[in-house]
N, C-alpha and C. Protein backbone atom coordinates (compact mmCIF):
# COMPACT_ATOMS: atom_id res chain seq x y z
N MET A 1 30.43 39.53 197.90
CA MET A 1 30.30 39.40 196.49
C MET A 1 30.48 37.95 196.05
N ILE A 2 31.46 37.28 196.63
CA ILE A 2 31.75 35.89 196.27
C ILE A 2 30.52 35.02 196.51
N LYS A 3 29.86 35.23 197.65
CA LYS A 3 28.73 34.38 198.02
C LYS A 3 27.47 34.66 197.22
N ARG A 4 27.47 35.70 196.44
CA ARG A 4 26.33 35.92 195.56
C ARG A 4 26.33 34.89 194.43
N TYR A 5 27.51 34.42 194.06
CA TYR A 5 27.62 33.39 193.03
C TYR A 5 27.32 32.02 193.62
N ASN A 6 27.88 31.74 194.78
CA ASN A 6 27.68 30.45 195.45
C ASN A 6 27.66 30.75 196.95
N ASN A 7 26.56 30.50 197.62
CA ASN A 7 26.36 30.90 199.02
C ASN A 7 27.07 30.00 200.03
N SER A 8 27.90 29.09 199.58
CA SER A 8 28.61 28.19 200.48
C SER A 8 29.78 28.91 201.17
N ASP A 9 29.86 28.75 202.50
CA ASP A 9 30.99 29.32 203.23
C ASP A 9 32.31 28.70 202.78
N ALA A 10 32.32 27.39 202.59
CA ALA A 10 33.55 26.71 202.16
C ALA A 10 34.01 27.24 200.80
N TYR A 11 33.08 27.44 199.89
CA TYR A 11 33.42 27.99 198.57
C TYR A 11 34.02 29.39 198.72
N ALA A 12 33.39 30.23 199.51
CA ALA A 12 33.86 31.60 199.68
C ALA A 12 35.26 31.64 200.30
N ILE A 13 35.50 30.78 201.29
CA ILE A 13 36.81 30.73 201.91
C ILE A 13 37.85 30.23 200.91
N GLY A 14 37.50 29.20 200.13
CA GLY A 14 38.40 28.68 199.12
C GLY A 14 38.77 29.72 198.07
N VAL A 15 37.79 30.44 197.58
CA VAL A 15 38.04 31.49 196.59
C VAL A 15 38.89 32.60 197.20
N GLY A 16 38.61 32.93 198.44
CA GLY A 16 39.40 33.96 199.12
C GLY A 16 40.86 33.56 199.26
N HIS A 17 41.09 32.30 199.65
CA HIS A 17 42.47 31.81 199.76
C HIS A 17 43.15 31.78 198.40
N LEU A 18 42.43 31.36 197.37
CA LEU A 18 42.99 31.34 196.02
C LEU A 18 43.38 32.76 195.60
N ALA A 19 42.51 33.70 195.86
CA ALA A 19 42.80 35.10 195.50
C ALA A 19 44.05 35.60 196.24
N ASP A 20 44.18 35.22 197.50
CA ASP A 20 45.38 35.60 198.25
C ASP A 20 46.64 35.02 197.63
N ARG A 21 46.60 33.76 197.21
CA ARG A 21 47.77 33.12 196.59
C ARG A 21 48.11 33.81 195.27
N ILE A 22 47.08 34.09 194.47
CA ILE A 22 47.30 34.78 193.19
C ILE A 22 47.89 36.16 193.44
N GLY A 23 47.48 36.80 194.52
CA GLY A 23 47.97 38.13 194.86
C GLY A 23 49.36 38.13 195.49
N GLY A 24 49.97 36.95 195.63
CA GLY A 24 51.33 36.88 196.12
C GLY A 24 51.49 36.49 197.58
N ALA A 25 50.42 36.20 198.26
CA ALA A 25 50.53 35.78 199.66
C ALA A 25 51.26 34.45 199.74
N GLY A 26 51.88 34.20 200.87
CA GLY A 26 52.63 32.97 201.08
C GLY A 26 51.70 31.76 201.17
N PRO A 27 52.30 30.59 201.27
CA PRO A 27 51.50 29.36 201.33
C PRO A 27 50.65 29.29 202.61
N LEU A 28 49.59 28.53 202.53
CA LEU A 28 48.77 28.30 203.71
C LEU A 28 49.56 27.44 204.68
N ARG A 29 49.42 27.74 205.95
CA ARG A 29 50.11 26.96 206.97
C ARG A 29 49.11 26.58 208.04
N GLY A 30 49.29 25.39 208.51
CA GLY A 30 48.41 24.92 209.56
C GLY A 30 48.22 23.43 209.43
N SER A 31 47.52 22.88 210.36
CA SER A 31 47.25 21.46 210.31
C SER A 31 45.80 21.21 210.70
N PHE A 32 45.32 20.06 210.31
CA PHE A 32 43.96 19.70 210.65
C PHE A 32 43.92 19.27 212.12
N PRO A 33 42.87 19.61 212.81
CA PRO A 33 42.73 19.16 214.20
C PRO A 33 42.42 17.66 214.22
N PRO A 34 42.47 17.04 215.39
CA PRO A 34 42.08 15.63 215.48
C PRO A 34 40.65 15.42 214.96
N ASP A 35 40.38 14.21 214.49
CA ASP A 35 39.05 13.90 213.96
C ASP A 35 38.04 13.73 215.10
N ALA A 36 36.86 13.32 214.76
CA ALA A 36 35.78 13.16 215.75
C ALA A 36 36.11 12.11 216.81
N HIS A 37 37.08 11.23 216.50
CA HIS A 37 37.48 10.17 217.43
C HIS A 37 38.72 10.57 218.22
N GLY A 38 39.20 11.80 218.03
CA GLY A 38 40.37 12.28 218.76
C GLY A 38 41.69 11.86 218.16
N LEU A 39 41.67 11.38 216.91
CA LEU A 39 42.89 10.90 216.27
C LEU A 39 43.40 11.90 215.24
N THR A 40 44.69 12.17 215.29
CA THR A 40 45.31 12.99 214.26
C THR A 40 45.59 12.10 213.05
N LYS A 41 45.99 12.70 211.95
CA LYS A 41 46.34 11.91 210.77
C LYS A 41 47.48 10.96 211.11
N ALA A 42 48.47 11.44 211.85
CA ALA A 42 49.59 10.58 212.24
C ALA A 42 49.10 9.41 213.09
N ASP A 43 48.14 9.65 213.98
CA ASP A 43 47.56 8.57 214.80
C ASP A 43 46.88 7.53 213.90
N ARG A 44 46.12 8.02 212.91
CA ARG A 44 45.40 7.10 212.03
C ARG A 44 46.37 6.25 211.21
N ILE A 45 47.46 6.86 210.76
CA ILE A 45 48.47 6.11 210.01
C ILE A 45 49.11 5.06 210.92
N THR A 46 49.44 5.45 212.14
CA THR A 46 50.02 4.51 213.10
C THR A 46 49.05 3.37 213.38
N LEU A 47 47.79 3.68 213.55
CA LEU A 47 46.76 2.66 213.77
C LEU A 47 46.74 1.67 212.61
N GLN A 48 46.74 2.18 211.39
CA GLN A 48 46.72 1.30 210.21
C GLN A 48 47.98 0.43 210.15
N LYS A 49 49.13 1.01 210.43
CA LYS A 49 50.38 0.25 210.41
C LYS A 49 50.39 -0.84 211.48
N ARG A 50 49.91 -0.50 212.67
CA ARG A 50 49.89 -1.49 213.76
C ARG A 50 48.90 -2.61 213.48
N LEU A 51 47.75 -2.27 212.94
CA LEU A 51 46.78 -3.32 212.59
C LEU A 51 47.39 -4.27 211.55
N THR A 52 47.98 -3.71 210.51
CA THR A 52 48.57 -4.52 209.45
C THR A 52 49.71 -5.38 209.99
N ALA A 53 50.54 -4.82 210.85
CA ALA A 53 51.66 -5.57 211.44
C ALA A 53 51.17 -6.76 212.25
N ARG A 54 49.98 -6.65 212.80
CA ARG A 54 49.41 -7.75 213.59
C ARG A 54 48.60 -8.72 212.74
N GLY A 55 48.59 -8.50 211.43
CA GLY A 55 47.89 -9.43 210.54
C GLY A 55 46.49 -9.00 210.15
N PHE A 56 46.11 -7.79 210.48
CA PHE A 56 44.79 -7.26 210.13
C PHE A 56 45.00 -6.20 209.06
N ASP A 57 45.11 -6.65 207.83
CA ASP A 57 45.54 -5.80 206.72
C ASP A 57 44.54 -4.69 206.42
N THR A 58 45.03 -3.46 206.45
CA THR A 58 44.20 -2.30 206.12
C THR A 58 44.37 -1.90 204.66
N GLU A 59 45.25 -2.60 203.95
CA GLU A 59 45.55 -2.34 202.54
C GLU A 59 46.10 -0.94 202.32
N GLY A 60 46.97 -0.52 203.23
CA GLY A 60 47.64 0.77 203.08
C GLY A 60 47.51 1.59 204.34
N ALA A 61 48.50 2.45 204.53
CA ALA A 61 48.51 3.33 205.70
C ALA A 61 48.56 4.77 205.22
N ASP A 62 47.37 5.30 204.90
CA ASP A 62 47.29 6.66 204.37
C ASP A 62 46.60 7.62 205.34
N GLY A 63 46.16 7.12 206.49
CA GLY A 63 45.49 7.97 207.45
C GLY A 63 44.01 8.18 207.19
N VAL A 64 43.50 7.55 206.13
CA VAL A 64 42.08 7.65 205.80
C VAL A 64 41.39 6.39 206.32
N ILE A 65 40.41 6.57 207.20
CA ILE A 65 39.69 5.43 207.76
C ILE A 65 38.54 5.11 206.82
N GLY A 66 38.75 4.12 205.98
CA GLY A 66 37.75 3.70 205.01
C GLY A 66 37.31 2.27 205.30
N ARG A 67 36.68 1.65 204.30
CA ARG A 67 36.14 0.30 204.46
C ARG A 67 37.18 -0.72 204.90
N ASN A 68 38.37 -0.68 204.29
CA ASN A 68 39.40 -1.68 204.62
C ASN A 68 39.88 -1.53 206.06
N THR A 69 40.09 -0.31 206.50
CA THR A 69 40.53 -0.10 207.87
C THR A 69 39.42 -0.47 208.85
N GLU A 70 38.19 -0.10 208.55
CA GLU A 70 37.07 -0.46 209.43
C GLU A 70 36.92 -1.97 209.53
N ALA A 71 37.10 -2.68 208.41
CA ALA A 71 37.02 -4.14 208.43
C ALA A 71 38.15 -4.73 209.27
N ALA A 72 39.35 -4.18 209.14
CA ALA A 72 40.48 -4.65 209.94
C ALA A 72 40.23 -4.40 211.42
N ILE A 73 39.67 -3.25 211.74
CA ILE A 73 39.35 -2.93 213.14
C ILE A 73 38.32 -3.92 213.68
N ARG A 74 37.27 -4.18 212.89
CA ARG A 74 36.23 -5.12 213.34
C ARG A 74 36.82 -6.51 213.59
N THR A 75 37.67 -6.98 212.69
CA THR A 75 38.28 -8.30 212.85
C THR A 75 39.17 -8.33 214.09
N TYR A 76 39.96 -7.28 214.28
CA TYR A 76 40.81 -7.19 215.47
C TYR A 76 39.94 -7.19 216.74
N GLN A 77 38.89 -6.39 216.75
CA GLN A 77 38.02 -6.32 217.92
C GLN A 77 37.40 -7.68 218.23
N ALA A 78 36.95 -8.38 217.19
CA ALA A 78 36.36 -9.70 217.39
C ALA A 78 37.38 -10.67 217.97
N CYS A 79 38.60 -10.64 217.45
CA CYS A 79 39.66 -11.53 217.95
C CYS A 79 40.03 -11.24 219.40
N GLN A 80 39.91 -9.99 219.80
CA GLN A 80 40.23 -9.57 221.16
C GLN A 80 39.02 -9.65 222.09
N ARG A 81 37.90 -10.12 221.56
CA ARG A 81 36.64 -10.19 222.31
C ARG A 81 36.22 -8.82 222.86
N LEU A 82 36.41 -7.81 222.02
CA LEU A 82 35.97 -6.46 222.32
C LEU A 82 34.65 -6.21 221.60
N PRO A 83 33.89 -5.20 222.00
CA PRO A 83 32.70 -4.85 221.23
C PRO A 83 33.11 -4.54 219.78
N VAL A 84 32.44 -5.13 218.83
CA VAL A 84 32.79 -4.98 217.42
C VAL A 84 32.05 -3.77 216.85
N THR A 85 32.81 -2.70 216.65
CA THR A 85 32.22 -1.46 216.14
C THR A 85 32.84 -1.02 214.82
N GLY A 86 34.11 -1.38 214.61
CA GLY A 86 34.82 -0.90 213.42
C GLY A 86 35.22 0.55 213.52
N THR A 87 35.09 1.12 214.72
CA THR A 87 35.37 2.54 214.92
C THR A 87 36.76 2.73 215.51
N PRO A 88 37.56 3.61 214.91
CA PRO A 88 38.88 3.88 215.46
C PRO A 88 38.77 4.71 216.74
N SER A 89 39.76 4.60 217.61
CA SER A 89 39.77 5.40 218.84
C SER A 89 41.17 5.42 219.41
N GLN A 90 41.39 6.32 220.35
CA GLN A 90 42.67 6.36 221.05
C GLN A 90 42.88 5.07 221.84
N ALA A 91 41.81 4.56 222.46
CA ALA A 91 41.93 3.32 223.23
C ALA A 91 42.34 2.16 222.32
N LEU A 92 41.76 2.09 221.12
CA LEU A 92 42.12 1.05 220.18
C LEU A 92 43.58 1.18 219.79
N LEU A 93 44.00 2.40 219.49
CA LEU A 93 45.41 2.64 219.13
C LEU A 93 46.32 2.19 220.26
N GLN A 94 45.99 2.52 221.50
CA GLN A 94 46.83 2.13 222.63
C GLN A 94 46.85 0.62 222.83
N SER A 95 45.75 -0.06 222.54
CA SER A 95 45.70 -1.51 222.70
C SER A 95 46.59 -2.24 221.70
N LEU A 96 46.99 -1.54 220.65
CA LEU A 96 47.83 -2.15 219.61
C LEU A 96 49.32 -1.90 219.85
N ARG A 97 49.72 -1.40 220.98
CA ARG A 97 51.15 -1.12 221.25
C ARG A 97 51.94 -2.37 221.25
């Protein structure tokens, strides 16, 4: 019935969860899996903090890989004579230890 209004799976799941909360169900529990690069949110925050500590300012450590973090990664990669991709990775995180 929900999908007759909007055929999106995400919408239907969201409405279903909302209905459960309204009906008295407990809070949602769980965590997001690692991203496409194998990094958890905690990993991404650590990456941002380590880049900033080394002088490659990400302008905040929120775990969101946006333009500022990508620019910091590219600058770090260039300084280390690594391929300049601006892409976060586990290897990049480990290189910042």
